[in-house]
PDB file of all heavy atoms in Angstrom:
ATOM      1  N   GLU A   1     323.093  63.832 280.003  1.00  0.00           N
ATOM      2  CA  GLU A   1     323.999  62.977 280.765  1.00  0.00           C
ATOM      3  C   GLU A   1     324.979  62.224 279.881  1.00  0.00           C
ATOM      4  O   GLU A   1     326.094  61.944 280.295  1.00  0.00           O
ATOM      5  CB  GLU A   1     323.188  61.997 281.610  1.00  0.00           C
ATOM      6  CG  GLU A   1     324.034  61.213 282.599  1.00  0.00           C
ATOM      7  CD  GLU A   1     323.196  60.486 283.628  1.00  0.00           C
ATOM      8  OE1 GLU A   1     321.968  60.698 283.651  1.00  0.00           O
ATOM      9  OE2 GLU A   1     323.773  59.713 284.421  1.00  0.00           O
ATOM     10  N   THR A   2     324.596  61.877 278.653  1.00  0.00           N
ATOM     11  CA  THR A   2     325.512  61.204 277.740  1.00  0.00           C
ATOM     12  C   THR A   2     326.171  62.247 276.834  1.00  0.00           C
ATOM     13  O   THR A   2     325.974  63.454 277.013  1.00  0.00           O
ATOM     14  CB  THR A   2     324.762  60.172 276.874  1.00  0.00           C
ATOM     15  OG1 THR A   2     323.950  60.848 275.911  1.00  0.00           O
ATOM     16  CG2 THR A   2     323.883  59.274 277.734  1.00  0.00           C
ATOM     17  N   ASP A   3     326.907  61.770 275.834  1.00  0.00           N
ATOM     18  CA  ASP A   3     327.518  62.716 274.900  1.00  0.00           C
ATOM     19  C   ASP A   3     326.735  62.806 273.594  1.00  0.00           C
ATOM     20  O   ASP A   3     327.228  63.354 272.608  1.00  0.00           O
ATOM     21  CB  ASP A   3     328.980  62.357 274.620  1.00  0.00           C
ATOM     22  CG  ASP A   3     329.163  60.982 274.026  1.00  0.00           C
ATOM     23  OD1 ASP A   3     328.171  60.237 273.908  1.00  0.00           O
ATOM     24  OD2 ASP A   3     330.308  60.639 273.665  1.00  0.00           O
ATOM     25  N   TRP A   4     325.512  62.278 273.565  1.00  0.00           N
ATOM     26  CA  TRP A   4     324.600  62.418 272.427  1.00  0.00           C
ATOM     27  C   TRP A   4     323.267  62.943 272.906  1.00  0.00           C
ATOM     28  O   TRP A   4     322.698  62.415 273.876  1.00  0.00           O
ATOM     29  CB  TRP A   4     324.344  61.058 271.774  1.00  0.00           C
ATOM     30  CG  TRP A   4     325.378  60.581 270.819  1.00  0.00           C
ATOM     31  CD1 TRP A   4     326.609  61.113 270.572  1.00  0.00           C
ATOM     32  CD2 TRP A   4     325.267  59.426 269.964  1.00  0.00           C
ATOM     33  NE1 TRP A   4     327.274  60.362 269.630  1.00  0.00           N
ATOM     34  CE2 TRP A   4     326.478  59.327 269.236  1.00  0.00           C
ATOM     35  CE3 TRP A   4     324.273  58.476 269.754  1.00  0.00           C
ATOM     36  CZ2 TRP A   4     326.721  58.313 268.304  1.00  0.00           C
ATOM     37  CZ3 TRP A   4     324.501  57.464 268.833  1.00  0.00           C
ATOM     38  CH2 TRP A   4     325.709  57.394 268.113  1.00  0.00           C
ATOM     39  N   ILE A   5     322.731  63.964 272.249  1.00  0.00           N
ATOM     40  CA  ILE A   5     321.344  64.342 272.483  1.00  0.00           C
ATOM     41  C   ILE A   5     320.434  63.354 271.731  1.00  0.00           C
ATOM     42  O   ILE A   5     320.878  62.649 270.832  1.00  0.00           O
ATOM     43  CB  ILE A   5     321.060  65.784 272.020  1.00  0.00           C
ATOM     44  CG1 ILE A   5     321.350  65.938 270.516  1.00  0.00           C
ATOM     45  CG2 ILE A   5     321.862  66.786 272.847  1.00  0.00           C
ATOM     46  CD1 ILE A   5     320.884  67.262 269.931  1.00  0.00           C
ATOM     47  N   GLY A   6     319.174  63.284 272.134  1.00  0.00           N
ATOM     48  CA  GLY A   6     318.216  62.489 271.378  1.00  0.00           C
ATOM     49  C   GLY A   6     317.560  61.355 272.119  1.00  0.00           C
ATOM     50  O   GLY A   6     316.507  60.866 271.703  1.00  0.00           O
ATOM     51  N   GLY A   7     318.167  60.844 273.193  1.00  0.00           N
ATOM     52  CA  GLY A   7     317.498  59.840 274.019  1.00  0.00           C
ATOM     53  C   GLY A   7     317.089  58.589 273.273  1.00  0.00           C
ATOM     54  O   GLY A   7     317.923  57.879 272.718  1.00  0.00           O
ATOM     55  N   GLN A   8     315.781  58.297 273.282  1.00  0.00           N
ATOM     56  CA  GLN A   8     315.283  57.088 272.626  1.00  0.00           C
ATOM     57  C   GLN A   8     315.785  56.991 271.188  1.00  0.00           C
ATOM     58  O   GLN A   8     316.119  55.903 270.707  1.00  0.00           O
ATOM     59  CB  GLN A   8     313.747  57.085 272.597  1.00  0.00           C
ATOM     60  CG  GLN A   8     313.051  56.949 273.937  1.00  0.00           C
ATOM     61  CD  GLN A   8     311.551  56.719 273.749  1.00  0.00           C
ATOM     62  OE1 GLN A   8     311.132  55.640 273.377  1.00  0.00           O
ATOM     63  NE2 GLN A   8     310.764  57.747 274.003  1.00  0.00           N
ATOM     64  N   LEU A   9     315.845  58.115 270.492  1.00  0.00           N
ATOM     65  CA  LEU A   9     316.192  58.122 269.076  1.00  0.00           C
ATOM     66  C   LEU A   9     317.669  57.889 268.809  1.00  0.00           C
ATOM     67  O   LEU A   9     318.036  57.515 267.693  1.00  0.00           O
ATOM     68  CB  LEU A   9     315.775  59.460 268.452  1.00  0.00           C
ATOM     69  CG  LEU A   9     314.267  59.737 268.395  1.00  0.00           C
ATOM     70  CD1 LEU A   9     314.018  61.212 268.141  1.00  0.00           C
ATOM     71  CD2 LEU A   9     313.618  58.889 267.321  1.00  0.00           C
ATOM     72  N   THR A  10     318.522  58.115 269.797  1.00  0.00           N
ATOM     73  CA  THR A  10     319.966  58.099 269.544  1.00  0.00           C
ATOM     74  C   THR A  10     320.716  57.290 270.593  1.00  0.00           C
ATOM     75  O   THR A  10     321.153  56.182 270.335  1.00  0.00           O
ATOM     76  CB  THR A  10     320.512  59.538 269.509  1.00  0.00           C
ATOM     77  OG1 THR A  10     320.260  60.170 270.781  1.00  0.00           O
ATOM     78  CG2 THR A  10     319.879  60.355 268.402  1.00  0.00           C
ATOM     79  N   SER A  11     320.872  57.835 271.781  1.00  0.00           N
ATOM     80  CA  SER A  11     321.711  57.194 272.798  1.00  0.00           C
ATOM     81  C   SER A  11     321.125  55.875 273.285  1.00  0.00           C
ATOM     82  O   SER A  11     321.863  54.987 273.725  1.00  0.00           O
ATOM     83  CB  SER A  11     321.925  58.140 273.985  1.00  0.00           C
ATOM     84  OG  SER A  11     320.695  58.501 274.587  1.00  0.00           O
ATOM     85  N   GLN A  12     319.803  55.719 273.212  1.00  0.00           N
ATOM     86  CA  GLN A  12     319.178  54.452 273.589  1.00  0.00           C
ATOM     87  C   GLN A  12     318.980  53.541 272.378  1.00  0.00           C
ATOM     88  O   GLN A  12     318.648  52.373 272.525  1.00  0.00           O
ATOM     89  CB  GLN A  12     317.841  54.712 274.282  1.00  0.00           C
ATOM     90  CG  GLN A  12     318.004  55.468 275.589  1.00  0.00           C
ATOM     91  CD  GLN A  12     316.673  55.858 276.210  1.00  0.00           C
ATOM     92  OE1 GLN A  12     315.675  55.151 276.083  1.00  0.00           O
ATOM     93  NE2 GLN A  12     316.645  57.003 276.888  1.00  0.00           N
ATOM     94  N   ALA A  13     319.162  54.099 271.184  1.00  0.00           N
ATOM     95  CA  ALA A  13     319.210  53.350 269.920  1.00  0.00           C
ATOM     96  C   ALA A  13     317.910  52.628 269.594  1.00  0.00           C
ATOM     97  O   ALA A  13     317.935  51.532 269.038  1.00  0.00           O
ATOM     98  CB  ALA A  13     320.377  52.370 269.927  1.00  0.00           C
ATOM     99  N   VAL A  14     316.782  53.243 269.889  1.00  0.00           N
ATOM    100  CA  VAL A  14     315.492  52.593 269.646  1.00  0.00           C
ATOM    101  C   VAL A  14     314.829  53.225 268.421  1.00  0.00           C
ATOM    102  O   VAL A  14     314.453  54.391 268.463  1.00  0.00           O
ATOM    103  CB  VAL A  14     314.560  52.739 270.867  1.00  0.00           C
ATOM    104  CG1 VAL A  14     313.241  52.011 270.618  1.00  0.00           C
ATOM    105  CG2 VAL A  14     315.232  52.198 272.117  1.00  0.00           C
ATOM    106  N   PRO A  15     314.677  52.479 267.323  1.00  0.00           N
ATOM    107  CA  PRO A  15     313.950  53.038 266.174  1.00  0.00           C
ATOM    108  C   PRO A  15     312.555  53.471 266.593  1.00  0.00           C
ATOM    109  O   PRO A  15     311.949  52.870 267.477  1.00  0.00           O
ATOM    110  CB  PRO A  15     313.898  51.864 265.189  1.00  0.00           C
ATOM    111  CG  PRO A  15     314.991  50.941 265.607  1.00  0.00           C
ATOM    112  CD  PRO A  15     315.106  51.096 267.099  1.00  0.00           C
ATOM    113  N   PRO A  16     312.016  54.511 265.975  1.00  0.00           N
ATOM    114  CA  PRO A  16     310.744  55.073 266.441  1.00  0.00           C
ATOM    115  C   PRO A  16     309.599  54.070 266.448  1.00  0.00           C
ATOM    116  O   PRO A  16     309.344  53.389 265.456  1.00  0.00           O
ATOM    117  CB  PRO A  16     310.466  56.190 265.433  1.00  0.00           C
ATOM    118  CG  PRO A  16     311.789  56.544 264.869  1.00  0.00           C
ATOM    119  CD  PRO A  16     312.578  55.277 264.854  1.00  0.00           C
ATOM    120  N   ASP A  17     308.912  53.981 267.585  1.00  0.00           N
ATOM    121  CA  ASP A  17     307.628  53.291 267.676  1.00  0.00           C
ATOM    122  C   ASP A  17     306.555  54.362 267.490  1.00  0.00           C
ATOM    123  O   ASP A  17     306.468  55.297 268.293  1.00  0.00           O
ATOM    124  CB  ASP A  17     307.467  52.619 269.041  1.00  0.00           C
ATOM    125  CG  ASP A  17     308.323  51.376 269.170  1.00  0.00           C
ATOM    126  OD1 ASP A  17     308.070  50.403 268.436  1.00  0.00           O
ATOM    127  OD2 ASP A  17     309.247  51.380 270.007  1.00  0.00           O
ATOM    128  N   GLU A  18     305.769  54.224 266.441  1.00  0.00           N
ATOM    129  CA  GLU A  18     304.861  55.305 266.067  1.00  0.00           C
ATOM    130  C   GLU A  18     303.467  54.760 265.759  1.00  0.00           C
ATOM    131  O   GLU A  18     303.268  53.557 265.583  1.00  0.00           O
ATOM    132  CB  GLU A  18     305.406  56.026 264.837  1.00  0.00           C
ATOM    133  CG  GLU A  18     306.777  56.646 265.071  1.00  0.00           C
ATOM    134  CD  GLU A  18     307.401  57.192 263.805  1.00  0.00           C
ATOM    135  OE1 GLU A  18     307.199  56.582 262.729  1.00  0.00           O
ATOM    136  OE2 GLU A  18     308.090  58.223 263.882  1.00  0.00           O
ATOM    137  N   GLY A  19     302.519  55.666 265.655  1.00  0.00           N
ATOM    138  CA  GLY A  19     301.153  55.302 265.331  1.00  0.00           C
ATOM    139  C   GLY A  19     300.998  54.879 263.877  1.00  0.00           C
ATOM    140  O   GLY A  19     301.847  55.168 263.026  1.00  0.00           O
ATOM    141  N   VAL A  20     299.878  54.235 263.595  1.00  0.00           N
ATOM    142  CA  VAL A  20     299.678  53.680 262.259  1.00  0.00           C
ATOM    143  C   VAL A  20     299.445  54.745 261.203  1.00  0.00           C
ATOM    144  O   VAL A  20     299.629  54.489 260.004  1.00  0.00           O
ATOM    145  CB  VAL A  20     298.503  52.680 262.255  1.00  0.00           C
ATOM    146  CG1 VAL A  20     298.826  51.467 263.107  1.00  0.00           C
ATOM    147  CG2 VAL A  20     297.216  53.343 262.742  1.00  0.00           C
ATOM    148  N   TRP A  21     299.038  55.951 261.601  1.00  0.00           N
ATOM    149  CA  TRP A  21     298.772  57.011 260.621  1.00  0.00           C
ATOM    150  C   TRP A  21     299.870  58.073 260.618  1.00  0.00           C
ATOM    151  O   TRP A  21     299.650  59.197 260.162  1.00  0.00           O
ATOM    152  CB  TRP A  21     297.433  57.673 260.929  1.00  0.00           C
ATOM    153  CG  TRP A  21     296.294  56.706 260.999  1.00  0.00           C
ATOM    154  CD1 TRP A  21     295.767  55.960 259.969  1.00  0.00           C
ATOM    155  CD2 TRP A  21     295.529  56.370 262.158  1.00  0.00           C
ATOM    156  NE1 TRP A  21     294.730  55.189 260.412  1.00  0.00           N
ATOM    157  CE2 TRP A  21     294.548  55.408 261.760  1.00  0.00           C
ATOM    158  CE3 TRP A  21     295.556  56.772 263.491  1.00  0.00           C
ATOM    159  CZ2 TRP A  21     293.623  54.863 262.651  1.00  0.00           C
ATOM    160  CZ3 TRP A  21     294.650  56.218 264.379  1.00  0.00           C
ATOM    161  CH2 TRP A  21     293.688  55.282 263.953  1.00  0.00           C
ATOM    162  N   ILE A  22     301.041  57.743 261.101  1.00  0.00           N
ATOM    163  CA  ILE A  22     302.079  58.743 261.342  1.00  0.00           C
ATOM    164  C   ILE A  22     302.470  59.514 260.077  1.00  0.00           C
ATOM    165  O   ILE A  22     302.880  60.670 260.156  1.00  0.00           O
ATOM    166  CB  ILE A  22     303.325  58.081 261.985  1.00  0.00           C
ATOM    167  CG1 ILE A  22     304.303  59.146 262.516  1.00  0.00           C
ATOM    168  CG2 ILE A  22     304.002  57.142 260.988  1.00  0.00           C
ATOM    169  CD1 ILE A  22     303.780  59.964 263.661  1.00  0.00           C
ATOM    170  N   GLU A  23     302.348  58.904 258.904  1.00  0.00           N
ATOM    171  CA  GLU A  23     302.732  59.607 257.682  1.00  0.00           C
ATOM    172  C   GLU A  23     301.750  60.718 257.324  1.00  0.00           C
ATOM    173  O   GLU A  23     302.103  61.641 256.592  1.00  0.00           O
ATOM    174  CB  GLU A  23     302.847  58.633 256.505  1.00  0.00           C
ATOM    175  CG  GLU A  23     303.832  57.492 256.700  1.00  0.00           C
ATOM    176  CD  GLU A  23     305.289  57.951 256.757  1.00  0.00           C
ATOM    177  OE1 GLU A  23     305.548  59.169 256.633  1.00  0.00           O
ATOM    178  OE2 GLU A  23     306.165  57.092 256.939  1.00  0.00           O
ATOM    179  N   GLU A  24     300.540  60.643 257.837  1.00  0.00           N
ATOM    180  CA  GLU A  24     299.518  61.631 257.485  1.00  0.00           C
ATOM    181  C   GLU A  24     299.119  62.520 258.652  1.00  0.00           C
ATOM    182  O   GLU A  24     298.887  63.716 258.483  1.00  0.00           O
ATOM    183  CB  GLU A  24     298.258  60.923 256.966  1.00  0.00           C
ATOM    184  CG  GLU A  24     298.456  60.129 255.683  1.00  0.00           C
ATOM    185  CD  GLU A  24     299.050  58.758 255.909  1.00  0.00           C
ATOM    186  OE1 GLU A  24     298.805  58.195 257.000  1.00  0.00           O
ATOM    187  OE2 GLU A  24     299.768  58.245 255.030  1.00  0.00           O
ATOM    188  N   VAL A  25     299.005  61.933 259.848  1.00  0.00           N
ATOM    189  CA  VAL A  25     298.476  62.676 260.985  1.00  0.00           C
ATOM    190  C   VAL A  25     298.978  62.003 262.262  1.00  0.00           C
ATOM    191  O   VAL A  25     299.313  60.819 262.268  1.00  0.00           O
ATOM    192  CB  VAL A  25     296.931  62.698 260.944  1.00  0.00           C
ATOM    193  CG1 VAL A  25     296.358  61.306 261.125  1.00  0.00           C
ATOM    194  CG2 VAL A  25     296.349  63.657 261.991  1.00  0.00           C
ATOM    195  N   GLY A  26     299.042  62.768 263.349  1.00  0.00           N
ATOM    196  CA  GLY A  26     299.375  62.156 264.629  1.00  0.00           C
ATOM    197  C   GLY A  26     300.679  62.596 265.230  1.00  0.00           C
ATOM    198  O   GLY A  26     301.206  61.919 266.124  1.00  0.00           O
ATOM    199  N   CYS A  27     301.228  63.738 264.788  1.00  0.00           N
ATOM    200  CA  CYS A  27     302.456  64.250 265.411  1.00  0.00           C
ATOM    201  C   CYS A  27     302.537  65.751 265.175  1.00  0.00           C
ATOM    202  O   CYS A  27     301.789  66.310 264.369  1.00  0.00           O
ATOM    203  CB  CYS A  27     303.700  63.551 264.862  1.00  0.00           C
ATOM    204  SG  CYS A  27     304.049  63.883 263.122  1.00  0.00           S
ATOM    205  N   THR A  28     303.466  66.394 265.858  1.00  0.00           N
ATOM    206  CA  THR A  28     303.630  67.833 265.690  1.00  0.00           C
ATOM    207  C   THR A  28     304.430  68.141 264.427  1.00  0.00           C
ATOM    208  O   THR A  28     305.098  67.270 263.864  1.00  0.00           O
ATOM    209  CB  THR A  28     304.357  68.451 266.892  1.00  0.00           C
ATOM    210  OG1 THR A  28     305.746  68.091 266.850  1.00  0.00           O
ATOM    211  CG2 THR A  28     303.765  67.977 268.218  1.00  0.00           C
ATOM    212  N   ALA A  29     304.361  69.389 263.987  1.00  0.00           N
ATOM    213  CA  ALA A  29     305.083  69.790 262.771  1.00  0.00           C
ATOM    214  C   ALA A  29     306.589  69.608 262.932  1.00  0.00           C
ATOM    215  O   ALA A  29     307.283  69.233 261.978  1.00  0.00           O
ATOM    216  CB  ALA A  29     304.758  71.244 262.437  1.00  0.00           C
ATOM    217  N   SER A  30     307.106  69.866 264.121  1.00  0.00           N
ATOM    218  CA  SER A  30     308.559  69.735 264.304  1.00  0.00           C
ATOM    219  C   SER A  30     308.988  68.277 264.309  1.00  0.00           C
ATOM    220  O   SER A  30     310.074  67.937 263.823  1.00  0.00           O
ATOM    221  CB  SER A  30     309.007  70.431 265.588  1.00  0.00           C
ATOM    222  OG  SER A  30     308.417  69.840 266.725  1.00  0.00           O
ATOM    223  N   TYR A  31     308.146  67.381 264.846  1.00  0.00           N
ATOM    224  CA  TYR A  31     308.472  65.958 264.769  1.00  0.00           C
ATOM    225  C   TYR A  31     308.414  65.489 263.324  1.00  0.00           C
ATOM    226  O   TYR A  31     309.251  64.695 262.889  1.00  0.00           O
ATOM    227  CB  TYR A  31     307.528  65.138 265.641  1.00  0.00           C
ATOM    228  CG  TYR A  31     307.903  63.664 265.696  1.00  0.00           C
ATOM    229  CD1 TYR A  31     308.940  63.228 266.520  1.00  0.00           C
ATOM    230  CD2 TYR A  31     307.244  62.718 264.908  1.00  0.00           C
ATOM    231  CE1 TYR A  31     309.305  61.881 266.555  1.00  0.00           C
ATOM    232  CE2 TYR A  31     307.603  61.379 264.947  1.00  0.00           C
ATOM    233  CZ  TYR A  31     308.639  60.971 265.772  1.00  0.00           C
ATOM    234  OH  TYR A  31     309.004  59.638 265.794  1.00  0.00           O
ATOM    235  N   ARG A  32     307.457  66.005 262.562  1.00  0.00           N
ATOM    236  CA  ARG A  32     307.405  65.654 261.149  1.00  0.00           C
ATOM    237  C   ARG A  32     308.635  66.182 260.419  1.00  0.00           C
ATOM    238  O   ARG A  32     309.173  65.516 259.520  1.00  0.00           O
ATOM    239  CB  ARG A  32     306.122  66.204 260.513  1.00  0.00           C
ATOM    240  CG  ARG A  32     305.861  65.633 259.136  1.00  0.00           C
ATOM    241  CD  ARG A  32     304.424  65.899 258.686  1.00  0.00           C
ATOM    242  NE  ARG A  32     303.425  65.333 259.579  1.00  0.00           N
ATOM    243  CZ  ARG A  32     303.131  64.047 259.661  1.00  0.00           C
ATOM    244  NH1 ARG A  32     303.775  63.175 258.907  1.00  0.00           N
ATOM    245  NH2 ARG A  32     302.204  63.626 260.500  1.00  0.00           N
ATOM    246  N   ALA A  33     309.111  67.360 260.813  1.00  0.00           N
ATOM    247  CA  ALA A  33     310.337  67.896 260.210  1.00  0.00           C
ATOM    248  C   ALA A  33     311.530  66.993 260.529  1.00  0.00           C
ATOM    249  O   ALA A  33     312.407  66.778 259.682  1.00  0.00           O
ATOM    250  CB  ALA A  33     310.584  69.315 260.709  1.00  0.00           C
TER     251      ALA A  33
END
């Protein structure tokens, strides 16, 4: 609907709220990429 893809990460401008172990475990490989 906007002219930016990404939603929370971009057009809504919200820095990621993530789990406490996000650097080691807790997300998919593509999110880590």
